[in-house]
Amino acid sequence: MGKGKKFTAAEKHFQDKEVTLRQEMRKTIEWSEEIINVNNQLTKENKQMKKDFDELKEKYSKLLEYSNMTEEDIKTALRKDKGMDQFGSLMGVMGQDIGRYL
Protein backbone atom coordinates (compact mmCIF):
# COMPACT_ATOMS: atom_id res chain seq x y z
CA MET A 1 0.00 0.00 0.00
CA GLY A 2 2.88 2.34 0.80
CA LYS A 3 4.22 2.09 -2.72
CA GLY A 4 0.83 3.03 -4.15
CA LYS A 5 0.80 6.26 -2.18
CA LYS A 6 4.30 7.14 -3.37
CA PHE A 7 3.27 6.54 -6.96
CA THR A 8 0.19 8.72 -6.45
CA ALA A 9 2.35 11.44 -4.91
CA ALA A 10 4.79 11.25 -7.86
CA GLU A 11 1.91 11.27 -10.29
CA LYS A 12 0.41 14.30 -8.53
CA HIS A 13 3.80 16.02 -8.67
CA PHE A 14 4.07 15.47 -12.43
CA GLN A 15 0.48 16.62 -12.94
CA ASP A 16 1.28 19.83 -11.04
CA LYS A 17 4.41 20.30 -13.16
CA GLU A 18 2.37 19.74 -16.32
CA VAL A 19 -0.16 22.38 -15.25
CA THR A 20 2.67 24.82 -14.50
CA LEU A 21 4.33 24.13 -17.84
CA ARG A 22 1.06 24.56 -19.73
CA GLN A 23 0.48 27.91 -18.00
CA GLU A 24 4.00 29.03 -18.88
CA MET A 25 3.51 27.88 -22.48
CA ARG A 26 0.24 29.81 -22.70
CA LYS A 27 1.92 32.95 -21.36
CA THR A 28 4.81 32.50 -23.78
CA ILE A 29 2.44 32.06 -26.73
CA GLU A 30 0.48 35.19 -25.72
CA TRP A 31 3.75 37.13 -25.34
CA SER A 32 4.89 35.89 -28.75
CA GLU A 33 1.58 36.93 -30.37
CA GLU A 34 1.89 40.37 -28.78
CA ILE A 35 5.42 40.74 -30.18
CA ILE A 36 4.18 39.67 -33.62
CA ASN A 37 1.38 42.27 -33.46
CA VAL A 38 3.78 45.01 -32.40
CA ASN A 39 6.19 43.97 -35.15
CA ASN A 40 3.41 44.09 -37.75
CA GLN A 41 2.41 47.57 -36.58
CA LEU A 42 6.00 48.78 -36.69
CA THR A 43 6.44 47.31 -40.16
CA LYS A 44 3.32 49.18 -41.32
CA GLU A 45 4.59 52.42 -39.77
CA ASN A 46 8.01 51.87 -41.34
CA LYS A 47 6.48 51.45 -44.80
CA GLN A 48 4.49 54.67 -44.34
CA MET A 49 7.57 56.53 -43.14
CA LYS A 50 9.57 55.26 -46.13
CA LYS A 51 6.80 56.44 -48.45
CA ASP A 52 6.76 59.85 -46.75
CA PHE A 53 10.55 60.03 -46.94
CA ASP A 54 10.54 59.20 -50.65
CA GLU A 55 7.95 61.92 -51.28
CA LEU A 56 9.97 64.48 -49.34
CA LYS A 57 13.14 63.43 -51.14
CA GLU A 58 11.41 63.92 -54.49
CA LYS A 59 10.15 67.37 -53.45
CA TYR A 60 13.62 68.31 -52.20
CA SER A 61 15.15 67.23 -55.51
CA LYS A 62 12.63 69.38 -57.36
CA LEU A 63 13.46 72.37 -55.16
CA LEU A 64 17.16 71.88 -55.83
CA GLU A 65 16.41 71.69 -59.52
CA TYR A 66 14.36 74.90 -59.33
CA SER A 67 17.05 76.71 -57.33
CA ASN A 68 19.33 76.77 -60.38
CA MET A 69 16.65 78.14 -62.73
CA THR A 70 15.50 81.57 -63.71
CA GLU A 71 12.04 82.69 -62.68
CA GLU A 72 10.71 82.08 -66.20
CA ASP A 73 12.25 78.58 -66.30
CA ILE A 74 10.64 77.79 -62.94
CA LYS A 75 7.21 78.87 -64.20
CA THR A 76 7.64 76.70 -67.30
CA ALA A 77 8.81 73.72 -65.22
CA LEU A 78 5.87 74.12 -62.81
CA ARG A 79 3.39 74.17 -65.69
CA LYS A 80 5.06 71.06 -67.12
CA ASP A 81 5.03 69.29 -63.74
CA LYS A 82 1.37 70.23 -63.21
CA GLY A 83 0.57 68.89 -66.68
CA MET A 84 2.37 65.63 -65.87
CA ASP A 85 0.41 65.30 -62.62
CA GLN A 86 -2.86 65.83 -64.49
CA PHE A 87 -1.77 63.33 -67.15
CA GLY A 88 -0.91 60.81 -64.42
CA SER A 89 -4.30 61.30 -62.78
CA LEU A 90 -6.04 60.87 -66.13
CA MET A 91 -4.10 57.66 -66.82
CA GLY A 92 -5.06 56.35 -63.39
CA VAL A 93 -8.74 57.00 -64.05
CA MET A 94 -8.49 55.48 -67.51
CA GLY A 95 -6.77 52.42 -66.04
CA GLN A 96 -9.64 51.97 -63.62
CA ASP A 97 -12.19 52.30 -66.41
CA ILE A 98 -10.36 49.82 -68.62
CA GLY A 99 -10.10 47.40 -65.70
CA ARG A 100 -13.87 47.27 -65.47
CA TYR A 101 -14.13 45.91 -68.99
CA LEU A 102 -11.39 43.30 -68.76
PDB file of N, CA and C in Angstrom:
ATOM      1  N   MET A   1       0.826  -1.191   0.000  1.00  0.00           N
ATOM      2  CA  MET A   1       0.000   0.000   0.000  1.00  0.00           C
ATOM      3  C   MET A   1       0.869   1.254   0.000  1.00  0.00           C
ATOM      4  N   GLY A   2       1.984   1.198   0.705  1.00  0.00           N
ATOM      5  CA  GLY A   2       2.878   2.335   0.799  1.00  0.00           C
ATOM      6  C   GLY A   2       3.411   2.747  -0.559  1.00  0.00           C
ATOM      7  N   LYS A   3       3.705   1.761  -1.392  1.00  0.00           N
ATOM      8  CA  LYS A   3       4.223   2.086  -2.717  1.00  0.00           C
ATOM      9  C   LYS A   3       3.156   2.773  -3.563  1.00  0.00           C
ATOM     10  N   GLY A   4       1.912   2.402  -3.408  1.00  0.00           N
ATOM     11  CA  GLY A   4       0.830   3.026  -4.148  1.00  0.00           C
ATOM     12  C   GLY A   4       0.712   4.509  -3.833  1.00  0.00           C
ATOM     13  N   LYS A   5       0.869   4.860  -2.583  1.00  0.00           N
ATOM     14  CA  LYS A   5       0.798   6.258  -2.183  1.00  0.00           C
ATOM     15  C   LYS A   5       1.967   7.049  -2.768  1.00  0.00           C
ATOM     16  N   LYS A   6       3.152   6.453  -2.800  1.00  0.00           N
ATOM     17  CA  LYS A   6       4.298   7.144  -3.368  1.00  0.00           C
ATOM     18  C   LYS A   6       4.081   7.384  -4.859  1.00  0.00           C
ATOM     19  N   PHE A   7       3.538   6.383  -5.536  1.00  0.00           N
ATOM     20  CA  PHE A   7       3.267   6.535  -6.962  1.00  0.00           C
ATOM     21  C   PHE A   7       2.240   7.647  -7.178  1.00  0.00           C
ATOM     22  N   THR A   8       1.209   7.681  -6.343  1.00  0.00           N
ATOM     23  CA  THR A   8       0.192   8.716  -6.453  1.00  0.00           C
ATOM     24  C   THR A   8       0.802  10.087  -6.175  1.00  0.00           C
ATOM     25  N   ALA A   9       1.692  10.169  -5.225  1.00  0.00           N
ATOM     26  CA  ALA A   9       2.351  11.435  -4.913  1.00  0.00           C
ATOM     27  C   ALA A   9       3.228  11.865  -6.099  1.00  0.00           C
ATOM     28  N   ALA A  10       3.949  10.934  -6.700  1.00  0.00           N
ATOM     29  CA  ALA A  10       4.794  11.249  -7.855  1.00  0.00           C
ATOM     30  C   ALA A  10       3.924  11.671  -9.029  1.00  0.00           C
ATOM     31  N   GLU A  11       2.820  10.931  -9.206  1.00  0.00           N
ATOM     32  CA  GLU A  11       1.905  11.274 -10.293  1.00  0.00           C
ATOM     33  C   GLU A  11       1.325  12.672 -10.077  1.00  0.00           C
ATOM     34  N   LYS A  12       0.948  12.977  -8.867  1.00  0.00           N
ATOM     35  CA  LYS A  12       0.413  14.301  -8.532  1.00  0.00           C
ATOM     36  C   LYS A  12       1.474  15.371  -8.796  1.00  0.00           C
ATOM     37  N   HIS A  13       2.706  15.084  -8.441  1.00  0.00           N
ATOM     38  CA  HIS A  13       3.803  16.021  -8.666  1.00  0.00           C
ATOM     39  C   HIS A  13       3.946  16.316 -10.163  1.00  0.00           C
ATOM     40  N   PHE A  14       3.928  15.274 -10.984  1.00  0.00           N
ATOM     41  CA  PHE A  14       4.066  15.469 -12.429  1.00  0.00           C
ATOM     42  C   PHE A  14       2.848  16.176 -13.026  1.00  0.00           C
ATOM     43  N   GLN A  15       1.664  15.902 -12.479  1.00  0.00           N
ATOM     44  CA  GLN A  15       0.475  16.625 -12.940  1.00  0.00           C
ATOM     45  C   GLN A  15       0.603  18.112 -12.622  1.00  0.00           C
ATOM     46  N   ASP A  16       1.078  18.431 -11.423  1.00  0.00           N
ATOM     47  CA  ASP A  16       1.281  19.827 -11.040  1.00  0.00           C
ATOM     48  C   ASP A  16       2.311  20.488 -11.955  1.00  0.00           C
ATOM     49  N   LYS A  17       3.393  19.773 -12.250  1.00  0.00           N
ATOM     50  CA  LYS A  17       4.414  20.298 -13.157  1.00  0.00           C
ATOM     51  C   LYS A  17       3.831  20.539 -14.546  1.00  0.00           C
ATOM     52  N   GLU A  18       2.989  19.596 -15.001  1.00  0.00           N
ATOM     53  CA  GLU A  18       2.365  19.741 -16.320  1.00  0.00           C
ATOM     54  C   GLU A  18       1.483  20.984 -16.364  1.00  0.00           C
ATOM     55  N   VAL A  19       0.696  21.201 -15.323  1.00  0.00           N
ATOM     56  CA  VAL A  19      -0.163  22.383 -15.250  1.00  0.00           C
ATOM     57  C   VAL A  19       0.700  23.652 -15.298  1.00  0.00           C
ATOM     58  N   THR A  20       1.773  23.660 -14.531  1.00  0.00           N
ATOM     59  CA  THR A  20       2.665  24.823 -14.501  1.00  0.00           C
ATOM     60  C   THR A  20       3.275  25.061 -15.877  1.00  0.00           C
ATOM     61  N   LEU A  21       3.731  23.993 -16.516  1.00  0.00           N
ATOM     62  CA  LEU A  21       4.329  24.127 -17.844  1.00  0.00           C
ATOM     63  C   LEU A  21       3.316  24.619 -18.878  1.00  0.00           C
ATOM     64  N   ARG A  22       2.106  24.103 -18.801  1.00  0.00           N
ATOM     65  CA  ARG A  22       1.064  24.556 -19.734  1.00  0.00           C
ATOM     66  C   ARG A  22       0.759  26.048 -19.535  1.00  0.00           C
ATOM     67  N   GLN A  23       0.718  26.494 -18.289  1.00  0.00           N
ATOM     68  CA  GLN A  23       0.484  27.909 -18.002  1.00  0.00           C
ATOM     69  C   GLN A  23       1.629  28.759 -18.562  1.00  0.00           C
ATOM     70  N   GLU A  24       2.849  28.303 -18.365  1.00  0.00           N
ATOM     71  CA  GLU A  24       4.001  29.030 -18.883  1.00  0.00           C
ATOM     72  C   GLU A  24       3.983  29.051 -20.411  1.00  0.00           C
ATOM     73  N   MET A  25       3.606  27.934 -21.024  1.00  0.00           N
ATOM     74  CA  MET A  25       3.514  27.878 -22.483  1.00  0.00           C
ATOM     75  C   MET A  25       2.460  28.855 -22.982  1.00  0.00           C
ATOM     76  N   ARG A  26       1.313  28.894 -22.313  1.00  0.00           N
ATOM     77  CA  ARG A  26       0.240  29.806 -22.705  1.00  0.00           C
ATOM     78  C   ARG A  26       0.711  31.259 -22.614  1.00  0.00           C
ATOM     79  N   LYS A  27       1.399  31.595 -21.525  1.00  0.00           N
ATOM     80  CA  LYS A  27       1.922  32.953 -21.358  1.00  0.00           C
ATOM     81  C   LYS A  27       2.944  33.267 -22.448  1.00  0.00           C
ATOM     82  N   THR A  28       3.797  32.292 -22.750  1.00  0.00           N
ATOM     83  CA  THR A  28       4.815  32.496 -23.784  1.00  0.00           C
ATOM     84  C   THR A  28       4.172  32.688 -25.152  1.00  0.00           C
ATOM     85  N   ILE A  29       3.147  31.927 -25.452  1.00  0.00           N
ATOM     86  CA  ILE A  29       2.436  32.065 -26.728  1.00  0.00           C
ATOM     87  C   ILE A  29       1.770  33.437 -26.808  1.00  0.00           C
ATOM     88  N   GLU A  30       1.115  33.867 -25.740  1.00  0.00           N
ATOM     89  CA  GLU A  30       0.480  35.188 -25.722  1.00  0.00           C
ATOM     90  C   GLU A  30       1.523  36.290 -25.900  1.00  0.00           C
ATOM     91  N   TRP A  31       2.656  36.159 -25.223  1.00  0.00           N
ATOM     92  CA  TRP A  31       3.746  37.132 -25.337  1.00  0.00           C
ATOM     93  C   TRP A  31       4.263  37.165 -26.769  1.00  0.00           C
ATOM     94  N   SER A  32       4.415  35.990 -27.367  1.00  0.00           N
ATOM     95  CA  SER A  32       4.886  35.894 -28.751  1.00  0.00           C
ATOM     96  C   SER A  32       3.890  36.549 -29.708  1.00  0.00           C
ATOM     97  N   GLU A  33       2.608  36.313 -29.517  1.00  0.00           N
ATOM     98  CA  GLU A  33       1.583  36.930 -30.372  1.00  0.00           C
ATOM     99  C   GLU A  33       1.591  38.445 -30.227  1.00  0.00           C
ATOM    100  N   GLU A  34       1.818  38.919 -29.013  1.00  0.00           N
ATOM    101  CA  GLU A  34       1.889  40.366 -28.781  1.00  0.00           C
ATOM    102  C   GLU A  34       3.092  40.957 -29.524  1.00  0.00           C
ATOM    103  N   ILE A  35       4.215  40.274 -29.471  1.00  0.00           N
ATOM    104  CA  ILE A  35       5.415  40.736 -30.180  1.00  0.00           C
ATOM    105  C   ILE A  35       5.162  40.755 -31.682  1.00  0.00           C
ATOM    106  N   ILE A  36       4.495  39.732 -32.188  1.00  0.00           N
ATOM    107  CA  ILE A  36       4.175  39.675 -33.624  1.00  0.00           C
ATOM    108  C   ILE A  36       3.276  40.848 -34.003  1.00  0.00           C
ATOM    109  N   ASN A  37       2.277  41.141 -33.187  1.00  0.00           N
ATOM    110  CA  ASN A  37       1.377  42.266 -33.465  1.00  0.00           C
ATOM    111  C   ASN A  37       2.126  43.600 -33.451  1.00  0.00           C
ATOM    112  N   VAL A  38       2.995  43.780 -32.464  1.00  0.00           N
ATOM    113  CA  VAL A  38       3.781  45.012 -32.396  1.00  0.00           C
ATOM    114  C   VAL A  38       4.690  45.106 -33.614  1.00  0.00           C
ATOM    115  N   ASN A  39       5.310  43.990 -33.979  1.00  0.00           N
ATOM    116  CA  ASN A  39       6.189  43.971 -35.150  1.00  0.00           C
ATOM    117  C   ASN A  39       5.418  44.323 -36.419  1.00  0.00           C
ATOM    118  N   ASN A  40       4.227  43.776 -36.574  1.00  0.00           N
ATOM    119  CA  ASN A  40       3.408  44.091 -37.750  1.00  0.00           C
ATOM    120  C   ASN A  40       3.063  45.578 -37.795  1.00  0.00           C
ATOM    121  N   GLN A  41       2.733  46.140 -36.643  1.00  0.00           N
ATOM    122  CA  GLN A  41       2.405  47.568 -36.577  1.00  0.00           C
ATOM    123  C   GLN A  41       3.626  48.415 -36.932  1.00  0.00           C
ATOM    124  N   LEU A  42       4.778  48.028 -36.392  1.00  0.00           N
ATOM    125  CA  LEU A  42       6.003  48.780 -36.685  1.00  0.00           C
ATOM    126  C   LEU A  42       6.384  48.661 -38.158  1.00  0.00           C
ATOM    127  N   THR A  43       6.162  47.496 -38.739  1.00  0.00           N
ATOM    128  CA  THR A  43       6.438  47.308 -40.164  1.00  0.00           C
ATOM    129  C   THR A  43       5.546  48.220 -40.997  1.00  0.00           C
ATOM    130  N   LYS A  44       4.272  48.293 -40.617  1.00  0.00           N
ATOM    131  CA  LYS A  44       3.324  49.176 -41.318  1.00  0.00           C
ATOM    132  C   LYS A  44       3.762  50.633 -41.197  1.00  0.00           C
ATOM    133  N   GLU A  45       4.134  51.045 -39.986  1.00  0.00           N
ATOM    134  CA  GLU A  45       4.587  52.418 -39.775  1.00  0.00           C
ATOM    135  C   GLU A  45       5.867  52.694 -40.563  1.00  0.00           C
ATOM    136  N   ASN A  46       6.760  51.717 -40.600  1.00  0.00           N
ATOM    137  CA  ASN A  46       8.012  51.873 -41.335  1.00  0.00           C
ATOM    138  C   ASN A  46       7.755  52.066 -42.829  1.00  0.00           C
ATOM    139  N   LYS A  47       6.828  51.300 -43.385  1.00  0.00           N
ATOM    140  CA  LYS A  47       6.482  51.449 -44.802  1.00  0.00           C
ATOM    141  C   LYS A  47       5.929  52.845 -45.074  1.00  0.00           C
ATOM    142  N   GLN A  48       5.067  53.331 -44.172  1.00  0.00           N
ATOM    143  CA  GLN A  48       4.492  54.665 -44.343  1.00  0.00           C
ATOM    144  C   GLN A  48       5.573  55.732 -44.247  1.00  0.00           C
ATOM    145  N   MET A  49       6.488  55.556 -43.297  1.00  0.00           N
ATOM    146  CA  MET A  49       7.569  56.530 -43.141  1.00  0.00           C
ATOM    147  C   MET A  49       8.493  56.517 -44.360  1.00  0.00           C
ATOM    148  N   LYS A  50       8.737  55.349 -44.924  1.00  0.00           N
ATOM    149  CA  LYS A  50       9.567  55.258 -46.127  1.00  0.00           C
ATOM    150  C   LYS A  50       8.873  55.965 -47.291  1.00  0.00           C
ATOM    151  N   LYS A  51       7.563  55.771 -47.400  1.00  0.00           N
ATOM    152  CA  LYS A  51       6.802  56.437 -48.451  1.00  0.00           C
ATOM    153  C   LYS A  51       6.883  57.957 -48.269  1.00  0.00           C
ATOM    154  N   ASP A  52       6.680  58.415 -47.034  1.00  0.00           N
ATOM    155  CA  ASP A  52       6.764  59.853 -46.746  1.00  0.00           C
ATOM    156  C   ASP A  52       8.158  60.391 -47.055  1.00  0.00           C
ATOM    157  N   PHE A  53       9.170  59.623 -46.674  1.00  0.00           N
ATOM    158  CA  PHE A  53      10.549  60.033 -46.942  1.00  0.00           C
ATOM    159  C   PHE A  53      10.798  60.151 -48.437  1.00  0.00           C
ATOM    160  N   ASP A  54      10.342  59.163 -49.199  1.00  0.00           N
ATOM    161  CA  ASP A  54      10.535  59.199 -50.647  1.00  0.00           C
ATOM    162  C   ASP A  54       9.853  60.416 -51.276  1.00  0.00           C
ATOM    163  N   GLU A  55       8.658  60.742 -50.776  1.00  0.00           N
ATOM    164  CA  GLU A  55       7.950  61.923 -51.279  1.00  0.00           C
ATOM    165  C   GLU A  55       8.712  63.202 -50.950  1.00  0.00           C
ATOM    166  N   LEU A  56       9.206  63.303 -49.723  1.00  0.00           N
ATOM    167  CA  LEU A  56       9.974  64.485 -49.337  1.00  0.00           C
ATOM    168  C   LEU A  56      11.274  64.584 -50.138  1.00  0.00           C
ATOM    169  N   LYS A  57      11.896  63.457 -50.358  1.00  0.00           N
ATOM    170  CA  LYS A  57      13.139  63.431 -51.139  1.00  0.00           C
ATOM    171  C   LYS A  57      12.888  63.919 -52.568  1.00  0.00           C
ATOM    172  N   GLU A  58      11.766  63.486 -53.136  1.00  0.00           N
ATOM    173  CA  GLU A  58      11.406  63.922 -54.488  1.00  0.00           C
ATOM    174  C   GLU A  58      11.152  65.428 -54.515  1.00  0.00           C
ATOM    175  N   LYS A  59      10.419  65.926 -53.517  1.00  0.00           N
ATOM    176  CA  LYS A  59      10.154  67.370 -53.449  1.00  0.00           C
ATOM    177  C   LYS A  59      11.449  68.146 -53.263  1.00  0.00           C
ATOM    178  N   TYR A  60      12.336  67.647 -52.428  1.00  0.00           N
ATOM    179  CA  TYR A  60      13.618  68.307 -52.196  1.00  0.00           C
ATOM    180  C   TYR A  60      14.424  68.355 -53.487  1.00  0.00           C
ATOM    181  N   SER A  61      14.431  67.263 -54.236  1.00  0.00           N
ATOM    182  CA  SER A  61      15.154  67.228 -55.508  1.00  0.00           C
ATOM    183  C   SER A  61      14.596  68.262 -56.476  1.00  0.00           C
ATOM    184  N   LYS A  62      13.265  68.380 -56.493  1.00  0.00           N
ATOM    185  CA  LYS A  62      12.629  69.379 -57.365  1.00  0.00           C
ATOM    186  C   LYS A  62      13.041  70.789 -56.944  1.00  0.00           C
ATOM    187  N   LEU A  63      13.067  71.045 -55.643  1.00  0.00           N
ATOM    188  CA  LEU A  63      13.461  72.367 -55.164  1.00  0.00           C
ATOM    189  C   LEU A  63      14.911  72.672 -55.534  1.00  0.00           C
ATOM    190  N   LEU A  64      15.767  71.681 -55.419  1.00  0.00           N
ATOM    191  CA  LEU A  64      17.158  71.884 -55.826  1.00  0.00           C
ATOM    192  C   LEU A  64      17.246  72.189 -57.315  1.00  0.00           C
ATOM    193  N   GLU A  65      16.447  71.466 -58.077  1.00  0.00           N
ATOM    194  CA  GLU A  65      16.409  71.689 -59.524  1.00  0.00           C
ATOM    195  C   GLU A  65      15.943  73.117 -59.813  1.00  0.00           C
ATOM    196  N   TYR A  66      14.907  73.565 -59.126  1.00  0.00           N
ATOM    197  CA  TYR A  66      14.364  74.905 -59.330  1.00  0.00           C
ATOM    198  C   TYR A  66      15.339  75.993 -58.871  1.00  0.00           C
ATOM    199  N   SER A  67      16.159  75.678 -57.878  1.00  0.00           N
ATOM    200  CA  SER A  67      17.050  76.706 -57.327  1.00  0.00           C
ATOM    201  C   SER A  67      18.086  77.183 -58.350  1.00  0.00           C
ATOM    202  N   ASN A  68      18.345  76.395 -59.364  1.00  0.00           N
ATOM    203  CA  ASN A  68      19.326  76.772 -60.382  1.00  0.00           C
ATOM    204  C   ASN A  68      18.674  77.369 -61.632  1.00  0.00           C
ATOM    205  N   MET A  69      17.376  77.643 -61.559  1.00  0.00           N
ATOM    206  CA  MET A  69      16.651  78.135 -62.731  1.00  0.00           C
ATOM    207  C   MET A  69      16.300  79.612 -62.579  1.00  0.00           C
ATOM    208  N   THR A  70      16.019  80.194 -63.726  1.00  0.00           N
ATOM    209  CA  THR A  70      15.499  81.567 -63.710  1.00  0.00           C
ATOM    210  C   THR A  70      14.020  81.504 -63.352  1.00  0.00           C
ATOM    211  N   GLU A  71      13.459  82.643 -63.044  1.00  0.00           N
ATOM    212  CA  GLU A  71      12.042  82.691 -62.683  1.00  0.00           C
ATOM    213  C   GLU A  71      11.175  82.160 -63.822  1.00  0.00           C
ATOM    214  N   GLU A  72      11.493  82.526 -65.041  1.00  0.00           N
ATOM    215  CA  GLU A  72      10.711  82.076 -66.196  1.00  0.00           C
ATOM    216  C   GLU A  72      10.837  80.561 -66.384  1.00  0.00           C
ATOM    217  N   ASP A  73      12.047  80.030 -66.190  1.00  0.00           N
ATOM    218  CA  ASP A  73      12.252  78.576 -66.303  1.00  0.00           C
ATOM    219  C   ASP A  73      11.461  77.830 -65.223  1.00  0.00           C
ATOM    220  N   ILE A  74      11.399  78.416 -64.036  1.00  0.00           N
ATOM    221  CA  ILE A  74      10.638  77.790 -62.941  1.00  0.00           C
ATOM    222  C   ILE A  74       9.157  77.738 -63.293  1.00  0.00           C
ATOM    223  N   LYS A  75       8.628  78.833 -63.809  1.00  0.00           N
ATOM    224  CA  LYS A  75       7.209  78.869 -64.196  1.00  0.00           C
ATOM    225  C   LYS A  75       6.931  77.803 -65.263  1.00  0.00           C
ATOM    226  N   THR A  76       7.811  77.694 -66.230  1.00  0.00           N
ATOM    227  CA  THR A  76       7.644  76.698 -67.295  1.00  0.00           C
ATOM    228  C   THR A  76       7.698  75.282 -66.709  1.00  0.00           C
ATOM    229  N   ALA A  77       8.666  75.048 -65.831  1.00  0.00           N
ATOM    230  CA  ALA A  77       8.808  73.719 -65.220  1.00  0.00           C
ATOM    231  C   ALA A  77       7.585  73.375 -64.368  1.00  0.00           C
ATOM    232  N   LEU A  78       7.064  74.364 -63.638  1.00  0.00           N
ATOM    233  CA  LEU A  78       5.871  74.122 -62.807  1.00  0.00           C
ATOM    234  C   LEU A  78       4.663  73.779 -63.672  1.00  0.00           C
ATOM    235  N   ARG A  79       4.501  74.488 -64.780  1.00  0.00           N
ATOM    236  CA  ARG A  79       3.385  74.168 -65.688  1.00  0.00           C
ATOM    237  C   ARG A  79       3.558  72.745 -66.240  1.00  0.00           C
ATOM    238  N   LYS A  80       4.790  72.395 -66.590  1.00  0.00           N
ATOM    239  CA  LYS A  80       5.065  71.064 -67.125  1.00  0.00           C
ATOM    240  C   LYS A  80       4.781  69.997 -66.057  1.00  0.00           C
ATOM    241  N   ASP A  81       5.261  70.242 -64.823  1.00  0.00           N
ATOM    242  CA  ASP A  81       5.028  69.288 -63.735  1.00  0.00           C
ATOM    243  C   ASP A  81       3.543  69.148 -63.437  1.00  0.00           C
ATOM    244  N   LYS A  82       2.817  70.268 -63.456  1.00  0.00           N
ATOM    245  CA  LYS A  82       1.371  70.232 -63.215  1.00  0.00           C
ATOM    246  C   LYS A  82       0.690  69.438 -64.319  1.00  0.00           C
ATOM    247  N   GLY A  83       1.130  69.644 -65.555  1.00  0.00           N
ATOM    248  CA  GLY A  83       0.572  68.888 -66.681  1.00  0.00           C
ATOM    249  C   GLY A  83       0.840  67.397 -66.541  1.00  0.00           C
ATOM    250  N   MET A  84       2.028  67.042 -66.063  1.00  0.00           N
ATOM    251  CA  MET A  84       2.366  65.627 -65.873  1.00  0.00           C
ATOM    252  C   MET A  84       1.509  65.020 -64.768  1.00  0.00           C
ATOM    253  N   ASP A  85       1.274  65.788 -63.693  1.00  0.00           N
ATOM    254  CA  ASP A  85       0.411  65.304 -62.617  1.00  0.00           C
ATOM    255  C   ASP A  85      -1.004  65.052 -63.140  1.00  0.00           C
ATOM    256  N   GLN A  86      -1.517  65.988 -63.932  1.00  0.00           N
ATOM    257  CA  GLN A  86      -2.857  65.829 -64.493  1.00  0.00           C
ATOM    258  C   GLN A  86      -2.895  64.638 -65.436  1.00  0.00           C
ATOM    259  N   PHE A  87      -1.843  64.465 -66.230  1.00  0.00           N
ATOM    260  CA  PHE A  87      -1.771  63.327 -67.147  1.00  0.00           C
ATOM    261  C   PHE A  87      -1.749  62.017 -66.350  1.00  0.00           C
ATOM    262  N   GLY A  88      -0.964  61.996 -65.269  1.00  0.00           N
ATOM    263  CA  GLY A  88      -0.906  60.806 -64.424  1.00  0.00           C
ATOM    264  C   GLY A  88      -2.254  60.477 -63.804  1.00  0.00           C
ATOM    265  N   SER A  89      -2.961  61.505 -63.360  1.00  0.00           N
ATOM    266  CA  SER A  89      -4.297  61.296 -62.785  1.00  0.00           C
ATOM    267  C   SER A  89      -5.256  60.751 -63.835  1.00  0.00           C
ATOM    268  N   LEU A  90      -5.180  61.314 -65.032  1.00  0.00           N
ATOM    269  CA  LEU A  90      -6.036  60.868 -66.128  1.00  0.00           C
ATOM    270  C   LEU A  90      -5.755  59.405 -66.464  1.00  0.00           C
ATOM    271  N   MET A  91      -4.466  59.050 -66.511  1.00  0.00           N
ATOM    272  CA  MET A  91      -4.104  57.665 -66.822  1.00  0.00           C
ATOM    273  C   MET A  91      -4.606  56.713 -65.735  1.00  0.00           C
ATOM    274  N   GLY A  92      -4.548  57.174 -64.484  1.00  0.00           N
ATOM    275  CA  GLY A  92      -5.055  56.353 -63.387  1.00  0.00           C
ATOM    276  C   GLY A  92      -6.537  56.091 -63.518  1.00  0.00           C
ATOM    277  N   VAL A  93      -7.285  57.135 -63.861  1.00  0.00           N
ATOM    278  CA  VAL A  93      -8.736  56.997 -64.049  1.00  0.00           C
ATOM    279  C   VAL A  93      -9.018  56.094 -65.236  1.00  0.00           C
ATOM    280  N   MET A  94      -8.280  56.304 -66.313  1.00  0.00           N
ATOM    281  CA  MET A  94      -8.488  55.476 -67.511  1.00  0.00           C
ATOM    282  C   MET A  94      -8.173  54.026 -67.206  1.00  0.00           C
ATOM    283  N   GLY A  95      -7.126  53.783 -66.417  1.00  0.00           N
ATOM    284  CA  GLY A  95      -6.767  52.416 -66.044  1.00  0.00           C
ATOM    285  C   GLY A  95      -7.868  51.743 -65.264  1.00  0.00           C
ATOM    286  N   GLN A  96      -8.525  52.516 -64.387  1.00  0.00           N
ATOM    287  CA  GLN A  96      -9.640  51.971 -63.621  1.00  0.00           C
ATOM    288  C   GLN A  96     -10.794  51.643 -64.528  1.00  0.00           C
ATOM    289  N   ASP A  97     -11.089  52.534 -65.476  1.00  0.00           N
ATOM    290  CA  ASP A  97     -12.190  52.299 -66.413  1.00  0.00           C
ATOM    291  C   ASP A  97     -11.917  51.088 -67.286  1.00  0.00           C
ATOM    292  N   ILE A  98     -10.715  50.956 -67.776  1.00  0.00           N
ATOM    293  CA  ILE A  98     -10.364  49.821 -68.621  1.00  0.00           C
ATOM    294  C   ILE A  98     -10.458  48.532 -67.823  1.00  0.00           C
ATOM    295  N   GLY A  99     -10.031  48.586 -66.556  1.00  0.00           N
ATOM    296  CA  GLY A  99     -10.098  47.399 -65.701  1.00  0.00           C
ATOM    297  C   GLY A  99     -11.497  46.858 -65.545  1.00  0.00           C
ATOM    298  N   ARG A 100     -12.471  47.710 -65.604  1.00  0.00           N
ATOM    299  CA  ARG A 100     -13.868  47.267 -65.469  1.00  0.00           C
ATOM    300  C   ARG A 100     -14.300  46.382 -66.629  1.00  0.00           C
ATOM    301  N   TYR A 101     -13.710  46.614 -67.794  1.00  0.00           N
ATOM    302  CA  TYR A 101     -14.134  45.907 -68.986  1.00  0.00           C
ATOM    303  C   TYR A 101     -13.310  44.666 -69.277  1.00  0.00           C
ATOM    304  N   LEU A 102     -12.243  44.466 -68.515  1.00  0.00           N
ATOM    305  CA  LEU A 102     -11.387  43.300 -68.761  1.00  0.00           C
ATOM    306  C   LEU A 102     -11.882  42.092 -68.028  1.00  0.00           C
TER     307      LEU A 102
END
